[in-house]
Amino acid sequence: MGLSAGQLKAGIDAVAVLEPGFARAVKAAGYPEPRIRPRGYGTLMRTIVGQQVSVAAAASMWRKFEAHAGEELDPQRVLDADFDTLRACGLSRQKQGYMRSLCELVVTGQLDFEALPADDEEAIAQLTLIKGIGRWSAEIYLLFAEGRQDVWPAGDLAVQAGLHKLLDLEARPSEKLTREMAEKWRPHRGAAAIFTWHCYNNPAL
């Protein structure tokens, strides 16, 4: 599961000691709610279904896909399904390729969601073996489903925009600069990321 409310508060408070902009924002906007997703391949199945479509379309596709795959989201049933069956669930050829990649890795045991490496970079490397899952999706999974406390999605545009606002920077920082700036926030970068999302476009700020 993701970071708890207590972990978020502790992490944000630790960063706020180092960054006055965070401290000011906490007073104005308060603390964010936890962002929690279920642990396991089902969460990445939903990620694949939801890529590049509206929330409503993703929800409709997911209902159809879940009806086919079953309550347990059996990956073997996905692998056994033909193109037309998965197309009827709303999955394009590309999404089917991504979904089959995930299911093959799970079924063959190459990817065990109950035993991902403790090292975040090694875990990201394993998750990005899945076609269609890039670094950002892997980081979001580790942060929201596993509660990894130091995951820092520096390539996220909202994180960059949030820092632009929080730290009163002249411009939105690049991914490289976003990564460099957060080094001193270890091991609380996960809480910092969630706080930047909380503050991005927040009317209280």
Protein backbone atom coordinates (compact mmCIF):
# COMPACT_ATOMS: atom_id res chain seq x y z
CA MET A 1 0.00 0.00 0.00
CA GLY A 2 1.03 3.63 -0.40
CA LEU A 3 2.38 6.05 2.16
CA SER A 4 0.09 6.48 5.16
CA ALA A 5 -1.16 9.87 6.38
CA GLY A 6 1.40 9.71 9.20
CA GLN A 7 4.26 8.91 6.85
CA LEU A 8 3.22 11.72 4.52
CA LYS A 9 3.09 14.24 7.35
CA ALA A 10 6.46 13.17 8.75
CA GLY A 11 8.10 13.27 5.32
CA ILE A 12 6.64 16.64 4.36
CA ASP A 13 7.56 18.13 7.73
CA ALA A 14 11.15 16.91 7.30
CA VAL A 15 11.41 18.58 3.87
CA ALA A 16 9.69 21.74 5.20
CA VAL A 17 12.54 22.17 7.69
CA LEU A 18 14.90 22.46 4.72
CA GLU A 19 12.58 24.39 2.38
CA PRO A 20 10.65 27.43 3.68
CA GLY A 21 8.44 27.26 0.60
CA PHE A 22 7.16 23.86 1.69
CA ALA A 23 6.55 25.16 5.22
CA ARG A 24 4.51 28.10 3.90
CA ALA A 25 2.49 25.84 1.63
CA VAL A 26 1.66 23.41 4.45
CA LYS A 27 0.16 26.28 6.43
CA ALA A 28 -1.88 27.45 3.45
CA ALA A 29 -2.95 24.17 1.85
CA GLY A 30 -2.58 21.56 4.59
CA TYR A 31 -1.43 18.00 4.09
CA PRO A 32 -2.47 15.80 1.16
CA GLU A 33 -4.60 12.70 1.49
CA PRO A 34 -2.79 9.37 1.02
CA ARG A 35 -2.69 8.01 -2.51
CA ILE A 36 -3.00 4.26 -2.27
CA ARG A 37 -3.32 1.59 -4.96
CA PRO A 38 -3.50 -2.21 -4.53
CA ARG A 39 -0.21 -4.05 -4.70
CA GLY A 40 0.16 -6.47 -7.60
CA TYR A 41 -0.08 -6.79 -11.36
CA GLY A 42 -3.76 -5.76 -11.37
CA THR A 43 -2.77 -2.15 -10.72
CA LEU A 44 -0.49 -2.13 -13.77
CA MET A 45 -3.24 -3.78 -15.82
CA ARG A 46 -5.40 -0.77 -14.94
CA THR A 47 -2.52 1.54 -15.85
CA ILE A 48 -2.29 -0.03 -19.32
CA VAL A 49 -6.05 0.16 -19.85
CA GLY A 50 -6.09 3.82 -18.82
CA GLN A 51 -3.19 5.02 -20.96
CA GLN A 52 -4.10 7.84 -23.37
CA VAL A 53 -7.87 7.56 -22.92
CA SER A 54 -10.40 9.52 -20.87
CA VAL A 55 -11.34 8.47 -17.34
CA ALA A 56 -14.81 7.47 -18.54
CA ALA A 57 -13.45 5.41 -21.44
CA ALA A 58 -10.92 3.71 -19.17
CA ALA A 59 -13.65 2.80 -16.66
CA SER A 60 -15.81 1.28 -19.41
CA MET A 61 -12.88 -0.71 -20.84
CA TRP A 62 -11.88 -1.91 -17.40
CA ARG A 63 -15.35 -3.25 -16.63
CA LYS A 64 -15.32 -5.27 -19.86
CA PHE A 65 -11.76 -6.46 -19.32
CA GLU A 66 -12.44 -7.47 -15.71
CA ALA A 67 -15.53 -9.42 -16.84
CA HIS A 68 -13.31 -11.41 -19.20
CA ALA A 69 -10.26 -11.86 -16.95
CA GLY A 70 -12.36 -12.73 -13.88
CA GLU A 71 -12.31 -11.37 -10.36
CA GLU A 72 -8.77 -12.66 -9.84
CA LEU A 73 -7.60 -11.04 -13.10
CA ASP A 74 -6.08 -14.33 -14.20
CA PRO A 75 -3.14 -13.48 -16.51
CA GLN A 76 -3.37 -16.86 -18.22
CA ARG A 77 -6.90 -16.06 -19.35
CA VAL A 78 -5.56 -12.91 -20.96
CA LEU A 79 -2.81 -14.85 -22.74
CA ASP A 80 -5.31 -17.47 -23.94
CA ALA A 81 -7.70 -14.86 -25.36
CA ASP A 82 -7.60 -14.09 -29.08
CA PHE A 83 -7.33 -10.64 -30.60
CA ASP A 84 -11.07 -10.18 -31.18
CA THR A 85 -11.94 -11.16 -27.60
CA LEU A 86 -9.63 -8.51 -26.16
CA ARG A 87 -10.69 -6.03 -28.84
CA ALA A 88 -14.25 -6.47 -27.61
CA CYS A 89 -13.01 -5.30 -24.21
CA GLY A 90 -11.83 -2.10 -25.89
CA LEU A 91 -8.14 -2.99 -26.00
CA SER A 92 -6.35 -1.72 -29.10
CA ARG A 93 -3.62 -3.78 -30.73
CA GLN A 94 -1.03 -1.73 -28.86
CA LYS A 95 -2.73 -2.15 -25.48
CA GLN A 96 -3.07 -5.88 -26.12
CA GLY A 97 0.67 -6.07 -26.75
CA TYR A 98 1.37 -4.29 -23.47
CA MET A 99 -1.11 -6.46 -21.56
CA ARG A 100 0.32 -9.68 -22.99
CA SER A 101 3.84 -8.53 -22.11
CA LEU A 102 2.79 -8.01 -18.49
CA CYS A 103 0.93 -11.32 -18.29
CA GLU A 104 3.79 -13.29 -19.84
CA LEU A 105 6.25 -11.90 -17.31
CA VAL A 106 3.88 -12.79 -14.45
CA VAL A 107 3.00 -16.29 -15.69
CA THR A 108 6.63 -17.23 -16.37
CA GLY A 109 7.72 -15.89 -12.98
CA GLN A 110 10.09 -13.33 -14.47
CA LEU A 111 8.23 -10.63 -12.55
CA ASP A 112 7.08 -11.31 -8.99
CA PHE A 113 5.10 -8.44 -7.52
CA GLU A 114 5.47 -9.90 -4.04
CA ALA A 115 9.25 -9.89 -4.27
CA LEU A 116 10.39 -6.83 -6.19
CA PRO A 117 13.96 -5.77 -5.37
CA ALA A 118 14.29 -3.56 -2.30
CA ASP A 119 16.50 -1.18 -4.27
CA ASP A 120 14.19 1.30 -6.03
CA GLU A 121 16.26 1.52 -9.22
CA GLU A 122 16.41 -2.26 -9.51
CA ALA A 123 12.65 -2.46 -8.99
CA ILE A 124 12.09 0.19 -11.68
CA ALA A 125 14.33 -1.78 -14.05
CA GLN A 126 12.21 -4.90 -13.50
CA LEU A 127 8.89 -3.10 -13.96
CA THR A 128 10.03 -1.42 -17.17
CA LEU A 129 10.59 -4.85 -18.70
CA ILE A 130 6.83 -4.64 -19.33
CA LYS A 131 6.12 -3.17 -22.76
CA GLY A 132 4.29 0.13 -22.38
CA ILE A 133 5.44 0.69 -18.79
CA GLY A 134 8.05 3.43 -18.66
CA ARG A 135 9.96 4.89 -15.77
CA TRP A 136 7.13 7.23 -14.71
CA SER A 137 4.54 4.42 -14.51
CA ALA A 138 7.01 2.26 -12.57
CA GLU A 139 7.72 5.09 -10.12
CA ILE A 140 4.00 5.75 -9.60
CA TYR A 141 3.43 2.05 -8.91
CA LEU A 142 6.24 1.91 -6.34
CA LEU A 143 5.01 5.07 -4.64
CA PHE A 144 1.27 4.35 -4.55
CA ALA A 145 1.15 0.54 -4.36
CA GLU A 146 4.29 -0.23 -2.35
CA GLY A 147 4.70 2.97 -0.35
CA ARG A 148 8.36 3.36 -1.26
CA GLN A 149 9.31 6.44 0.72
CA ASP A 150 12.10 7.82 -1.46
CA VAL A 151 10.73 7.42 -4.98
CA TRP A 152 11.04 10.71 -6.85
CA PRO A 153 9.31 10.99 -10.27
CA ALA A 154 11.44 13.90 -11.47
CA GLY A 155 10.15 13.60 -15.03
CA ASP A 156 6.56 14.34 -13.97
CA LEU A 157 5.49 17.74 -15.34
CA ALA A 158 3.17 18.41 -12.40
CA VAL A 159 6.01 17.73 -9.95
CA GLN A 160 8.18 20.19 -11.86
CA ALA A 161 5.38 22.79 -11.97
CA GLY A 162 4.69 22.25 -8.28
CA LEU A 163 8.32 22.95 -7.43
CA HIS A 164 8.23 26.04 -9.63
CA LYS A 165 5.42 27.35 -7.43
CA LEU A 166 6.59 26.05 -4.04
CA LEU A 167 10.17 27.25 -4.34
CA ASP A 168 9.34 30.45 -6.26
CA LEU A 169 11.64 29.52 -9.12
CA GLU A 170 12.02 31.66 -12.23
CA ALA A 171 10.93 28.81 -14.50
CA ARG A 172 9.71 25.23 -14.34
CA PRO A 173 12.82 23.14 -13.62
CA SER A 174 14.06 20.50 -16.04
CA GLU A 175 13.97 16.82 -15.11
CA LYS A 176 17.71 16.93 -14.43
CA LEU A 177 17.43 19.97 -12.16
CA THR A 178 14.34 18.53 -10.44
CA ARG A 179 16.32 15.41 -9.63
CA GLU A 180 19.33 17.39 -8.39
CA MET A 181 17.27 19.72 -6.20
CA ALA A 182 15.65 16.83 -4.37
CA GLU A 183 18.83 15.02 -3.42
CA LYS A 184 18.96 16.81 -0.07
CA TRP A 185 15.39 15.65 0.70
CA ARG A 186 16.31 11.97 0.87
CA PRO A 187 14.78 9.74 2.22
CA HIS A 188 11.52 11.71 2.06
CA ARG A 189 11.23 12.39 -1.66
CA GLY A 190 8.07 10.30 -2.05
CA ALA A 191 6.18 12.50 0.40
CA ALA A 192 7.64 15.58 -1.30
CA ALA A 193 6.33 14.38 -4.67
CA ILE A 194 2.82 13.83 -3.34
CA PHE A 195 2.92 17.27 -1.74
CA THR A 196 3.89 18.92 -5.03
CA TRP A 197 0.86 17.28 -6.69
CA HIS A 198 -1.28 18.50 -3.81
CA CYS A 199 -0.05 22.07 -4.33
CA TYR A 200 -0.08 22.11 -8.13
CA ASN A 201 -3.03 24.31 -9.15
CA ASN A 202 -4.21 24.39 -5.53
CA PRO A 203 -6.44 27.48 -5.14
CA ALA A 204 -5.16 28.01 -1.59
CA LEU A 205 -1.70 28.90 -2.93
